[in-house]
Each structure stands twice: as C-alpha cells, then as structure tokens.
Amino acid sequence: METLKSARLLLRSFAASDASRVQQLASDPEVALRTANIPYPYPIGGALAWIEAQARALTESSTNTWAVCRIAEQDLIGAIELVLAPSRFEGAVGYWIGRPFWNQGYASEALKLVLDFGFSSLKLQTIAAQFVDRNKASGRVMEKCGLKAVPELSRTALVRGKMEHLEVRRIAAVDHQRSQ
C-alpha cells in the first residue's frame, strides 16, 4: 500500500504495534458515536483484531486503510480508508480522528490526500463518503474537500440498534481537478 504525505500528516499502513493507540482513541464514546461502524463499548483486543483484518482486506479485496499520523509528533491520531470498486472506477472513503485532534484540520488534510491518490494514482472517476446525520462536523470536512450532497443516495440504517440517517456525499474526478 502506498504511503501518502502532506505538510503535517503521514498516511501509512497499520502495524500490530499501533493496537494500543487505536484501542485508546477508538474507545472514546464520542469517537464511536460519530461513526456508523466503531463499536461502543470498544472490545478489549478489538484494535489488534481490526488491524489484522485491515491487512487481510488489503490482500483479499480492494480496501486501503491508512493510519493517520502527525509527522512532527510521530503519533497516530486516526484512520482513513478507501474501498474500491475498480470495475466501476469508483471508491468510497471513511475516516475517524481521535477526539484530542478534532477541529485542527487533520480530517480534511487526510481526506484531501486520499482523494488525490484515488483520482490521480488509481484513476477513479467518483469517490463517495457517508456520515451519520448527527455528525455535522464530518459533513463539513467533506464539503471543504469538494464532496457534494447526493440526497437520492442518503438512507436510513440500523446503527447500534437504532435507526440513523446516513447522508451521502460524492465528488467526481473532473470536479476534484477543477478545485485544485
């Protein structure tokens, strides 16, 4: 998997040694409640199992999951993934950032790196993302990165035993290129 880098961030493969940090960040109820797929309470040993699953997903499918790390501090602050549908030249992105690092532009910076990679290196034509309706901050990150609402794809899904509205955003390669 390709390593991606910006001024402040390094996106790299996860290692087993990242498990305790992932466990710490993902166990925060505020992080879990803003996603559709981080369990809460986060299971003991869940981080290592998740990291091992990411490694398998990379070899068995078209899923790239990066550890989001600050370069200067050399610390892991979150995760971002790109799931590919290569036969359709499409991708779907998802991400989470640990609460101590919210409102500092890290999610937008990581998302821009992955969008650039998806469009320039993988030649994708569209990339989509979704967020639970109560996580408006994630919607703002997507807007900053040029993803537009696609109301006809938004849906309701069962999340942690409750029906939640999932809003879908998408960007096309041509629109991404124009925004550069």
N, C-alpha and C. Protein backbone atom coordinates (compact mmCIF):
# COMPACT_ATOMS: atom_id res chain seq x y z
N MET A 1 0.85 -1.18 0.00
CA MET A 1 0.00 0.00 0.00
C MET A 1 0.89 1.23 0.00
N GLU A 2 0.49 2.19 -0.77
CA GLU A 2 1.27 3.41 -0.90
C GLU A 2 1.14 4.30 0.34
N THR A 3 2.26 4.87 0.77
CA THR A 3 2.29 5.83 1.86
C THR A 3 2.00 7.21 1.27
N LEU A 4 1.17 7.99 1.94
CA LEU A 4 0.81 9.33 1.47
C LEU A 4 1.30 10.35 2.49
N LYS A 5 1.69 11.54 2.00
CA LYS A 5 2.28 12.53 2.89
C LYS A 5 1.85 13.93 2.50
N SER A 6 1.57 14.75 3.53
CA SER A 6 1.29 16.18 3.34
C SER A 6 2.25 16.95 4.25
N ALA A 7 2.01 18.21 4.42
CA ALA A 7 2.88 19.03 5.27
C ALA A 7 2.87 18.54 6.71
N ARG A 8 1.70 18.13 7.21
CA ARG A 8 1.60 17.75 8.62
C ARG A 8 1.35 16.27 8.87
N LEU A 9 0.90 15.56 7.84
CA LEU A 9 0.43 14.19 8.04
C LEU A 9 1.18 13.16 7.20
N LEU A 10 1.28 11.97 7.76
CA LEU A 10 1.77 10.80 7.06
C LEU A 10 0.68 9.75 7.16
N LEU A 11 0.25 9.23 6.03
CA LEU A 11 -0.73 8.14 5.99
C LEU A 11 0.04 6.89 5.61
N ARG A 12 0.05 5.92 6.51
CA ARG A 12 0.85 4.70 6.33
C ARG A 12 0.02 3.47 6.71
N SER A 13 0.57 2.31 6.40
CA SER A 13 -0.08 1.06 6.78
C SER A 13 -0.09 0.94 8.30
N PHE A 14 -1.10 0.26 8.81
CA PHE A 14 -1.14 -0.05 10.24
C PHE A 14 -0.19 -1.19 10.54
N ALA A 15 0.36 -1.18 11.76
CA ALA A 15 1.19 -2.27 12.27
C ALA A 15 0.56 -2.76 13.57
N ALA A 16 0.89 -3.99 13.94
CA ALA A 16 0.37 -4.54 15.20
C ALA A 16 0.74 -3.64 16.38
N SER A 17 1.86 -2.97 16.30
CA SER A 17 2.29 -2.08 17.39
C SER A 17 1.38 -0.87 17.55
N ASP A 18 0.50 -0.60 16.60
CA ASP A 18 -0.45 0.51 16.70
C ASP A 18 -1.69 0.16 17.52
N ALA A 19 -1.83 -1.10 17.90
CA ALA A 19 -3.08 -1.57 18.51
C ALA A 19 -3.43 -0.81 19.79
N SER A 20 -2.47 -0.57 20.66
CA SER A 20 -2.81 0.10 21.93
C SER A 20 -3.27 1.52 21.68
N ARG A 21 -2.68 2.20 20.71
CA ARG A 21 -3.10 3.58 20.41
C ARG A 21 -4.50 3.59 19.77
N VAL A 22 -4.75 2.68 18.85
CA VAL A 22 -6.09 2.57 18.26
C VAL A 22 -7.10 2.26 19.35
N GLN A 23 -6.77 1.33 20.23
CA GLN A 23 -7.67 0.95 21.32
C GLN A 23 -8.00 2.18 22.17
N GLN A 24 -6.99 2.98 22.49
CA GLN A 24 -7.18 4.18 23.30
C GLN A 24 -8.10 5.19 22.60
N LEU A 25 -7.82 5.49 21.35
CA LEU A 25 -8.59 6.51 20.63
C LEU A 25 -10.00 6.05 20.29
N ALA A 26 -10.13 4.81 19.83
CA ALA A 26 -11.45 4.31 19.39
C ALA A 26 -12.36 3.98 20.57
N SER A 27 -11.80 3.83 21.76
CA SER A 27 -12.62 3.54 22.94
C SER A 27 -13.37 4.76 23.45
N ASP A 28 -13.03 5.93 22.96
CA ASP A 28 -13.71 7.16 23.37
C ASP A 28 -15.15 7.12 22.85
N PRO A 29 -16.14 7.21 23.74
CA PRO A 29 -17.53 7.13 23.26
C PRO A 29 -17.88 8.24 22.27
N GLU A 30 -17.26 9.39 22.38
CA GLU A 30 -17.55 10.49 21.44
C GLU A 30 -17.06 10.17 20.04
N VAL A 31 -15.98 9.43 19.91
CA VAL A 31 -15.49 9.00 18.60
C VAL A 31 -16.44 7.95 18.03
N ALA A 32 -16.74 6.93 18.83
CA ALA A 32 -17.61 5.84 18.36
C ALA A 32 -18.99 6.35 17.96
N LEU A 33 -19.56 7.24 18.73
CA LEU A 33 -20.92 7.70 18.46
C LEU A 33 -21.03 8.57 17.21
N ARG A 34 -19.92 9.03 16.70
CA ARG A 34 -19.94 9.84 15.48
C ARG A 34 -19.67 9.02 14.22
N THR A 35 -19.58 7.71 14.39
CA THR A 35 -19.38 6.83 13.24
C THR A 35 -20.50 5.81 13.17
N ALA A 36 -20.58 5.15 12.04
CA ALA A 36 -21.59 4.11 11.88
C ALA A 36 -21.04 2.73 12.19
N ASN A 37 -19.70 2.61 12.33
CA ASN A 37 -19.17 1.25 12.46
C ASN A 37 -18.13 1.03 13.55
N ILE A 38 -17.79 2.01 14.36
CA ILE A 38 -16.92 1.75 15.51
C ILE A 38 -17.81 1.31 16.66
N PRO A 39 -17.59 0.11 17.19
CA PRO A 39 -18.45 -0.37 18.27
C PRO A 39 -18.20 0.37 19.58
N TYR A 40 -19.25 0.49 20.37
CA TYR A 40 -19.09 1.03 21.72
C TYR A 40 -19.96 0.22 22.66
N PRO A 41 -19.43 -0.28 23.75
CA PRO A 41 -18.03 -0.10 24.14
C PRO A 41 -17.09 -0.86 23.21
N TYR A 42 -15.91 -0.29 23.02
CA TYR A 42 -14.92 -0.90 22.13
C TYR A 42 -14.36 -2.14 22.83
N PRO A 43 -14.38 -3.29 22.16
CA PRO A 43 -13.98 -4.52 22.84
C PRO A 43 -12.48 -4.57 23.15
N ILE A 44 -12.15 -5.16 24.27
CA ILE A 44 -10.74 -5.37 24.63
C ILE A 44 -10.13 -6.27 23.56
N GLY A 45 -9.01 -5.88 23.04
CA GLY A 45 -8.38 -6.64 21.96
C GLY A 45 -8.96 -6.34 20.60
N GLY A 46 -9.95 -5.48 20.55
CA GLY A 46 -10.60 -5.16 19.29
C GLY A 46 -9.69 -4.46 18.30
N ALA A 47 -8.77 -3.66 18.80
CA ALA A 47 -7.89 -2.90 17.90
C ALA A 47 -6.95 -3.83 17.14
N LEU A 48 -6.35 -4.78 17.83
CA LEU A 48 -5.44 -5.71 17.15
C LEU A 48 -6.21 -6.54 16.13
N ALA A 49 -7.39 -7.02 16.49
CA ALA A 49 -8.20 -7.78 15.54
C ALA A 49 -8.55 -6.92 14.33
N TRP A 50 -8.89 -5.65 14.56
CA TRP A 50 -9.23 -4.74 13.46
C TRP A 50 -8.02 -4.51 12.56
N ILE A 51 -6.84 -4.30 13.15
CA ILE A 51 -5.62 -4.08 12.35
C ILE A 51 -5.32 -5.32 11.51
N GLU A 52 -5.44 -6.49 12.09
CA GLU A 52 -5.21 -7.73 11.33
C GLU A 52 -6.22 -7.87 10.20
N ALA A 53 -7.47 -7.48 10.44
CA ALA A 53 -8.50 -7.53 9.40
C ALA A 53 -8.18 -6.56 8.27
N GLN A 54 -7.60 -5.40 8.60
CA GLN A 54 -7.25 -4.43 7.56
C GLN A 54 -6.16 -4.98 6.65
N ALA A 55 -5.20 -5.68 7.24
CA ALA A 55 -4.13 -6.29 6.44
C ALA A 55 -4.70 -7.34 5.49
N ARG A 56 -5.64 -8.16 5.99
CA ARG A 56 -6.29 -9.17 5.13
C ARG A 56 -7.10 -8.50 4.03
N ALA A 57 -7.82 -7.44 4.39
CA ALA A 57 -8.67 -6.75 3.41
C ALA A 57 -7.84 -6.18 2.26
N LEU A 58 -6.64 -5.74 2.57
CA LEU A 58 -5.77 -5.19 1.53
C LEU A 58 -5.37 -6.27 0.53
N THR A 59 -5.11 -7.48 1.01
CA THR A 59 -4.69 -8.55 0.11
C THR A 59 -5.88 -9.27 -0.54
N GLU A 60 -7.01 -9.32 0.15
CA GLU A 60 -8.16 -10.08 -0.35
C GLU A 60 -9.16 -9.24 -1.14
N SER A 61 -9.09 -7.92 -0.99
CA SER A 61 -10.07 -7.08 -1.67
C SER A 61 -9.40 -5.79 -2.10
N SER A 62 -10.19 -4.83 -2.35
CA SER A 62 -9.68 -3.53 -2.80
C SER A 62 -9.92 -2.47 -1.73
N THR A 63 -9.43 -2.74 -0.52
CA THR A 63 -9.58 -1.79 0.57
C THR A 63 -8.21 -1.36 1.06
N ASN A 64 -7.98 -0.05 1.07
CA ASN A 64 -6.76 0.53 1.60
C ASN A 64 -7.11 1.26 2.88
N THR A 65 -6.50 0.89 3.99
CA THR A 65 -6.73 1.57 5.26
C THR A 65 -5.40 2.10 5.76
N TRP A 66 -5.36 3.41 5.97
CA TRP A 66 -4.14 4.07 6.43
C TRP A 66 -4.26 4.51 7.88
N ALA A 67 -3.15 4.43 8.60
CA ALA A 67 -3.02 5.08 9.90
C ALA A 67 -2.73 6.55 9.62
N VAL A 68 -3.50 7.44 10.22
CA VAL A 68 -3.28 8.88 10.07
C VAL A 68 -2.34 9.29 11.20
N CYS A 69 -1.14 9.76 10.84
CA CYS A 69 -0.11 10.09 11.82
C CYS A 69 0.39 11.52 11.61
N ARG A 70 0.61 12.21 12.72
CA ARG A 70 1.22 13.54 12.64
C ARG A 70 2.72 13.33 12.45
N ILE A 71 3.30 14.06 11.50
CA ILE A 71 4.72 13.89 11.19
C ILE A 71 5.59 14.42 12.33
N ALA A 72 5.35 15.64 12.76
CA ALA A 72 6.22 16.26 13.76
C ALA A 72 6.22 15.50 15.08
N GLU A 73 5.04 15.08 15.51
CA GLU A 73 4.92 14.40 16.80
C GLU A 73 5.10 12.88 16.68
N GLN A 74 5.09 12.36 15.47
CA GLN A 74 5.22 10.93 15.18
C GLN A 74 4.20 10.11 15.98
N ASP A 75 2.94 10.58 15.97
CA ASP A 75 1.89 9.86 16.69
C ASP A 75 0.70 9.58 15.79
N LEU A 76 0.06 8.47 16.05
CA LEU A 76 -1.14 8.05 15.33
C LEU A 76 -2.33 8.79 15.93
N ILE A 77 -3.16 9.40 15.04
CA ILE A 77 -4.30 10.17 15.53
C ILE A 77 -5.64 9.69 14.97
N GLY A 78 -5.62 8.73 14.05
CA GLY A 78 -6.87 8.25 13.48
C GLY A 78 -6.64 7.28 12.34
N ALA A 79 -7.68 7.10 11.53
CA ALA A 79 -7.63 6.16 10.41
C ALA A 79 -8.48 6.69 9.27
N ILE A 80 -8.10 6.30 8.06
CA ILE A 80 -8.88 6.63 6.87
C ILE A 80 -8.77 5.46 5.90
N GLU A 81 -9.90 5.13 5.26
CA GLU A 81 -9.86 4.01 4.33
C GLU A 81 -10.51 4.40 3.00
N LEU A 82 -10.05 3.71 1.98
CA LEU A 82 -10.62 3.87 0.64
C LEU A 82 -10.97 2.48 0.14
N VAL A 83 -12.27 2.24 -0.05
CA VAL A 83 -12.76 0.96 -0.56
C VAL A 83 -13.05 1.15 -2.04
N LEU A 84 -12.48 0.28 -2.85
CA LEU A 84 -12.56 0.45 -4.30
C LEU A 84 -13.56 -0.49 -4.94
N ALA A 85 -14.20 0.03 -5.97
CA ALA A 85 -14.99 -0.78 -6.90
C ALA A 85 -14.34 -0.54 -8.26
N PRO A 86 -13.17 -1.16 -8.48
CA PRO A 86 -12.37 -0.83 -9.66
C PRO A 86 -13.07 -1.05 -10.99
N SER A 87 -13.96 -2.03 -11.06
CA SER A 87 -14.65 -2.27 -12.33
C SER A 87 -15.56 -1.11 -12.70
N ARG A 88 -15.95 -0.31 -11.69
CA ARG A 88 -16.80 0.85 -11.94
C ARG A 88 -16.04 2.16 -11.80
N PHE A 89 -14.73 2.08 -11.52
CA PHE A 89 -13.88 3.27 -11.33
C PHE A 89 -14.42 4.16 -10.22
N GLU A 90 -14.92 3.52 -9.15
CA GLU A 90 -15.49 4.25 -8.01
C GLU A 90 -14.78 3.86 -6.73
N GLY A 91 -14.86 4.75 -5.76
CA GLY A 91 -14.33 4.47 -4.44
C GLY A 91 -15.26 5.04 -3.39
N ALA A 92 -15.10 4.55 -2.16
CA ALA A 92 -15.84 5.07 -1.01
C ALA A 92 -14.82 5.28 0.10
N VAL A 93 -14.90 6.42 0.75
CA VAL A 93 -13.94 6.76 1.79
C VAL A 93 -14.65 6.88 3.14
N GLY A 94 -13.95 6.47 4.19
CA GLY A 94 -14.43 6.63 5.54
C GLY A 94 -13.25 6.97 6.44
N TYR A 95 -13.50 7.67 7.53
CA TYR A 95 -12.38 8.09 8.39
C TYR A 95 -12.87 8.36 9.80
N TRP A 96 -11.95 8.37 10.72
CA TRP A 96 -12.20 8.84 12.08
C TRP A 96 -10.89 9.42 12.62
N ILE A 97 -11.03 10.41 13.46
CA ILE A 97 -9.90 11.07 14.10
C ILE A 97 -10.16 11.07 15.60
N GLY A 98 -9.14 10.80 16.40
CA GLY A 98 -9.28 10.80 17.86
C GLY A 98 -9.69 12.18 18.37
N ARG A 99 -10.51 12.19 19.41
CA ARG A 99 -11.08 13.44 19.91
C ARG A 99 -10.05 14.52 20.25
N PRO A 100 -8.87 14.20 20.83
CA PRO A 100 -7.92 15.28 21.14
C PRO A 100 -7.44 16.05 19.90
N PHE A 101 -7.74 15.51 18.72
CA PHE A 101 -7.23 16.09 17.47
C PHE A 101 -8.32 16.70 16.60
N TRP A 102 -9.53 16.80 17.14
CA TRP A 102 -10.64 17.40 16.40
C TRP A 102 -10.42 18.90 16.25
N ASN A 103 -11.03 19.45 15.22
CA ASN A 103 -11.04 20.90 14.95
C ASN A 103 -9.65 21.48 14.72
N GLN A 104 -8.77 20.66 14.14
CA GLN A 104 -7.42 21.13 13.81
C GLN A 104 -7.10 20.92 12.34
N GLY A 105 -8.10 20.51 11.55
CA GLY A 105 -7.91 20.34 10.12
C GLY A 105 -7.30 19.02 9.68
N TYR A 106 -7.09 18.10 10.62
CA TYR A 106 -6.46 16.83 10.26
C TYR A 106 -7.35 15.96 9.37
N ALA A 107 -8.63 15.89 9.65
CA ALA A 107 -9.53 15.06 8.83
C ALA A 107 -9.57 15.59 7.40
N SER A 108 -9.67 16.90 7.24
CA SER A 108 -9.69 17.49 5.89
C SER A 108 -8.39 17.21 5.15
N GLU A 109 -7.28 17.35 5.86
CA GLU A 109 -5.97 17.12 5.24
C GLU A 109 -5.80 15.67 4.81
N ALA A 110 -6.23 14.74 5.66
CA ALA A 110 -6.14 13.31 5.32
C ALA A 110 -7.07 12.98 4.15
N LEU A 111 -8.28 13.53 4.18
CA LEU A 111 -9.23 13.26 3.11
C LEU A 111 -8.71 13.79 1.77
N LYS A 112 -8.12 14.97 1.77
CA LYS A 112 -7.54 15.52 0.53
C LYS A 112 -6.45 14.61 -0.02
N LEU A 113 -5.61 14.07 0.85
CA LEU A 113 -4.56 13.15 0.40
C LEU A 113 -5.16 11.92 -0.27
N VAL A 114 -6.19 11.35 0.34
CA VAL A 114 -6.80 10.14 -0.20
C VAL A 114 -7.55 10.45 -1.50
N LEU A 115 -8.22 11.58 -1.57
CA LEU A 115 -8.89 11.97 -2.82
C LEU A 115 -7.86 12.13 -3.94
N ASP A 116 -6.77 12.83 -3.67
CA ASP A 116 -5.71 13.00 -4.67
C ASP A 116 -5.18 11.65 -5.14
N PHE A 117 -4.93 10.75 -4.20
CA PHE A 117 -4.43 9.42 -4.53
C PHE A 117 -5.46 8.65 -5.38
N GLY A 118 -6.70 8.67 -4.97
CA GLY A 118 -7.74 7.95 -5.69
C GLY A 118 -7.92 8.43 -7.12
N PHE A 119 -7.90 9.74 -7.29
CA PHE A 119 -8.12 10.28 -8.64
C PHE A 119 -6.87 10.23 -9.50
N SER A 120 -5.71 10.57 -8.96
CA SER A 120 -4.51 10.63 -9.81
C SER A 120 -3.84 9.27 -9.97
N SER A 121 -3.66 8.52 -8.89
CA SER A 121 -2.95 7.24 -9.00
C SER A 121 -3.85 6.09 -9.42
N LEU A 122 -5.07 6.05 -8.91
CA LEU A 122 -5.96 4.93 -9.20
C LEU A 122 -6.92 5.21 -10.35
N LYS A 123 -6.96 6.45 -10.81
CA LYS A 123 -7.80 6.85 -11.94
C LYS A 123 -9.29 6.60 -11.69
N LEU A 124 -9.71 6.79 -10.44
CA LEU A 124 -11.13 6.67 -10.12
C LEU A 124 -11.89 7.82 -10.76
N GLN A 125 -13.15 7.59 -11.05
CA GLN A 125 -14.00 8.63 -11.63
C GLN A 125 -14.85 9.32 -10.58
N THR A 126 -15.25 8.59 -9.52
CA THR A 126 -16.00 9.20 -8.42
C THR A 126 -15.56 8.58 -7.10
N ILE A 127 -15.65 9.38 -6.04
CA ILE A 127 -15.41 8.90 -4.69
C ILE A 127 -16.56 9.43 -3.83
N ALA A 128 -17.13 8.53 -3.04
CA ALA A 128 -18.26 8.88 -2.18
C ALA A 128 -17.87 8.70 -0.71
N ALA A 129 -18.65 9.29 0.15
CA ALA A 129 -18.49 9.14 1.60
C ALA A 129 -19.87 9.30 2.22
N GLN A 130 -20.01 8.82 3.43
CA GLN A 130 -21.28 9.00 4.14
C GLN A 130 -20.98 9.33 5.59
N PHE A 131 -21.94 9.96 6.24
CA PHE A 131 -21.79 10.26 7.66
C PHE A 131 -23.14 10.19 8.34
N VAL A 132 -23.11 9.82 9.63
CA VAL A 132 -24.35 9.81 10.39
C VAL A 132 -24.78 11.26 10.58
N ASP A 133 -26.06 11.48 10.45
CA ASP A 133 -26.60 12.84 10.42
C ASP A 133 -26.21 13.68 11.63
N ARG A 134 -26.02 13.04 12.79
CA ARG A 134 -25.67 13.81 13.98
C ARG A 134 -24.21 14.26 13.98
N ASN A 135 -23.42 13.82 12.99
CA ASN A 135 -22.01 14.21 12.92
C ASN A 135 -21.82 15.26 11.83
N LYS A 136 -22.37 16.43 12.08
CA LYS A 136 -22.30 17.52 11.10
C LYS A 136 -20.86 17.94 10.80
N ALA A 137 -19.95 17.77 11.77
CA ALA A 137 -18.54 18.13 11.54
C ALA A 137 -17.95 17.31 10.39
N SER A 138 -18.30 16.04 10.30
CA SER A 138 -17.81 15.22 9.21
C SER A 138 -18.36 15.71 7.88
N GLY A 139 -19.61 16.12 7.87
CA GLY A 139 -20.19 16.70 6.66
C GLY A 139 -19.44 17.96 6.23
N ARG A 140 -19.03 18.78 7.19
CA ARG A 140 -18.26 19.99 6.86
C ARG A 140 -16.89 19.64 6.29
N VAL A 141 -16.25 18.59 6.84
CA VAL A 141 -14.97 18.13 6.29
C VAL A 141 -15.15 17.75 4.82
N MET A 142 -16.20 17.00 4.55
CA MET A 142 -16.46 16.58 3.17
C MET A 142 -16.72 17.77 2.26
N GLU A 143 -17.50 18.73 2.74
CA GLU A 143 -17.75 19.95 1.96
C GLU A 143 -16.46 20.68 1.63
N LYS A 144 -15.59 20.84 2.64
CA LYS A 144 -14.30 21.53 2.43
C LYS A 144 -13.48 20.85 1.33
N CYS A 145 -13.65 19.54 1.22
CA CYS A 145 -12.89 18.77 0.25
C CYS A 145 -13.61 18.61 -1.08
N GLY A 146 -14.75 19.27 -1.22
CA GLY A 146 -15.45 19.31 -2.50
C GLY A 146 -16.52 18.26 -2.70
N LEU A 147 -16.81 17.42 -1.72
CA LEU A 147 -17.87 16.42 -1.87
C LEU A 147 -19.23 17.10 -1.72
N LYS A 148 -20.12 16.77 -2.61
CA LYS A 148 -21.46 17.37 -2.65
C LYS A 148 -22.50 16.36 -2.19
N ALA A 149 -23.55 16.86 -1.57
CA ALA A 149 -24.64 16.01 -1.11
C ALA A 149 -25.31 15.30 -2.28
N VAL A 150 -25.67 14.05 -2.05
CA VAL A 150 -26.40 13.24 -3.03
C VAL A 150 -27.64 12.71 -2.30
N PRO A 151 -28.68 13.56 -2.20
CA PRO A 151 -29.85 13.19 -1.39
C PRO A 151 -30.50 11.87 -1.81
N GLU A 152 -30.48 11.56 -3.10
CA GLU A 152 -31.14 10.33 -3.54
C GLU A 152 -30.41 9.07 -3.07
N LEU A 153 -29.16 9.19 -2.63
CA LEU A 153 -28.42 8.05 -2.11
C LEU A 153 -28.42 7.99 -0.58
N SER A 154 -28.81 9.09 0.06
CA SER A 154 -28.89 9.09 1.52
C SER A 154 -29.94 8.08 1.96
N ARG A 155 -29.73 7.50 3.15
CA ARG A 155 -30.62 6.42 3.57
C ARG A 155 -30.68 6.35 5.08
N THR A 156 -31.55 5.50 5.54
CA THR A 156 -31.65 5.19 6.96
C THR A 156 -31.12 3.78 7.16
N ALA A 157 -30.32 3.59 8.23
CA ALA A 157 -29.73 2.29 8.50
C ALA A 157 -29.74 2.03 10.00
N LEU A 158 -29.66 0.78 10.35
CA LEU A 158 -29.59 0.39 11.75
C LEU A 158 -28.16 0.55 12.24
N VAL A 159 -27.95 1.44 13.22
CA VAL A 159 -26.63 1.70 13.79
C VAL A 159 -26.76 1.57 15.31
N ARG A 160 -26.03 0.61 15.88
CA ARG A 160 -26.08 0.36 17.33
C ARG A 160 -27.51 0.16 17.84
N GLY A 161 -28.31 -0.54 17.07
CA GLY A 161 -29.66 -0.86 17.49
C GLY A 161 -30.67 0.25 17.28
N LYS A 162 -30.26 1.37 16.68
CA LYS A 162 -31.17 2.49 16.42
C LYS A 162 -31.13 2.86 14.95
N MET A 163 -32.26 3.31 14.45
CA MET A 163 -32.30 3.77 13.06
C MET A 163 -31.63 5.15 13.00
N GLU A 164 -30.67 5.28 12.09
CA GLU A 164 -29.91 6.53 11.91
C GLU A 164 -29.98 6.95 10.45
N HIS A 165 -30.01 8.25 10.23
CA HIS A 165 -29.95 8.78 8.86
C HIS A 165 -28.49 8.89 8.45
N LEU A 166 -28.14 8.32 7.30
CA LEU A 166 -26.80 8.41 6.75
C LEU A 166 -26.86 9.31 5.52
N GLU A 167 -26.11 10.39 5.57
CA GLU A 167 -26.07 11.31 4.45
C GLU A 167 -24.89 10.95 3.56
N VAL A 168 -25.10 10.93 2.25
CA VAL A 168 -24.08 10.56 1.29
C VAL A 168 -23.59 11.80 0.56
N ARG A 169 -22.28 11.87 0.40
CA ARG A 169 -21.63 12.93 -0.39
C ARG A 169 -20.76 12.25 -1.44
N ARG A 170 -20.53 12.98 -2.53
CA ARG A 170 -19.73 12.40 -3.61
C ARG A 170 -19.01 13.51 -4.37
N ILE A 171 -17.87 13.14 -4.96
CA ILE A 171 -17.13 14.06 -5.82
C ILE A 171 -16.65 13.29 -7.05
N ALA A 172 -16.72 13.93 -8.18
CA ALA A 172 -16.23 13.34 -9.43
C ALA A 172 -14.81 13.83 -9.70
N ALA A 173 -14.08 13.05 -10.44
CA ALA A 173 -12.69 13.39 -10.76
C ALA A 173 -12.58 14.76 -11.41
N VAL A 174 -13.50 15.07 -12.32
CA VAL A 174 -13.42 16.37 -13.01
C VAL A 174 -13.64 17.53 -12.04
N ASP A 175 -14.53 17.35 -11.07
CA ASP A 175 -14.76 18.41 -10.09
C ASP A 175 -13.57 18.54 -9.15
N HIS A 176 -12.97 17.43 -8.79
CA HIS A 176 -11.77 17.48 -7.93
C HIS A 176 -10.64 18.20 -8.63
N GLN A 177 -10.47 17.90 -9.91
CA GLN A 177 -9.40 18.53 -10.69
C GLN A 177 -9.61 20.04 -10.78
N ARG A 178 -10.85 20.46 -10.96
CA ARG A 178 -11.15 21.90 -11.03
C ARG A 178 -10.85 22.62 -9.73
N SER A 179 -11.02 21.92 -8.61
CA SER A 179 -10.83 22.56 -7.30
C SER A 179 -9.36 22.67 -6.90
N GLN A 180 -8.48 22.05 -7.66
CA GLN A 180 -7.05 22.08 -7.32
C GLN A 180 -6.40 23.40 -7.65
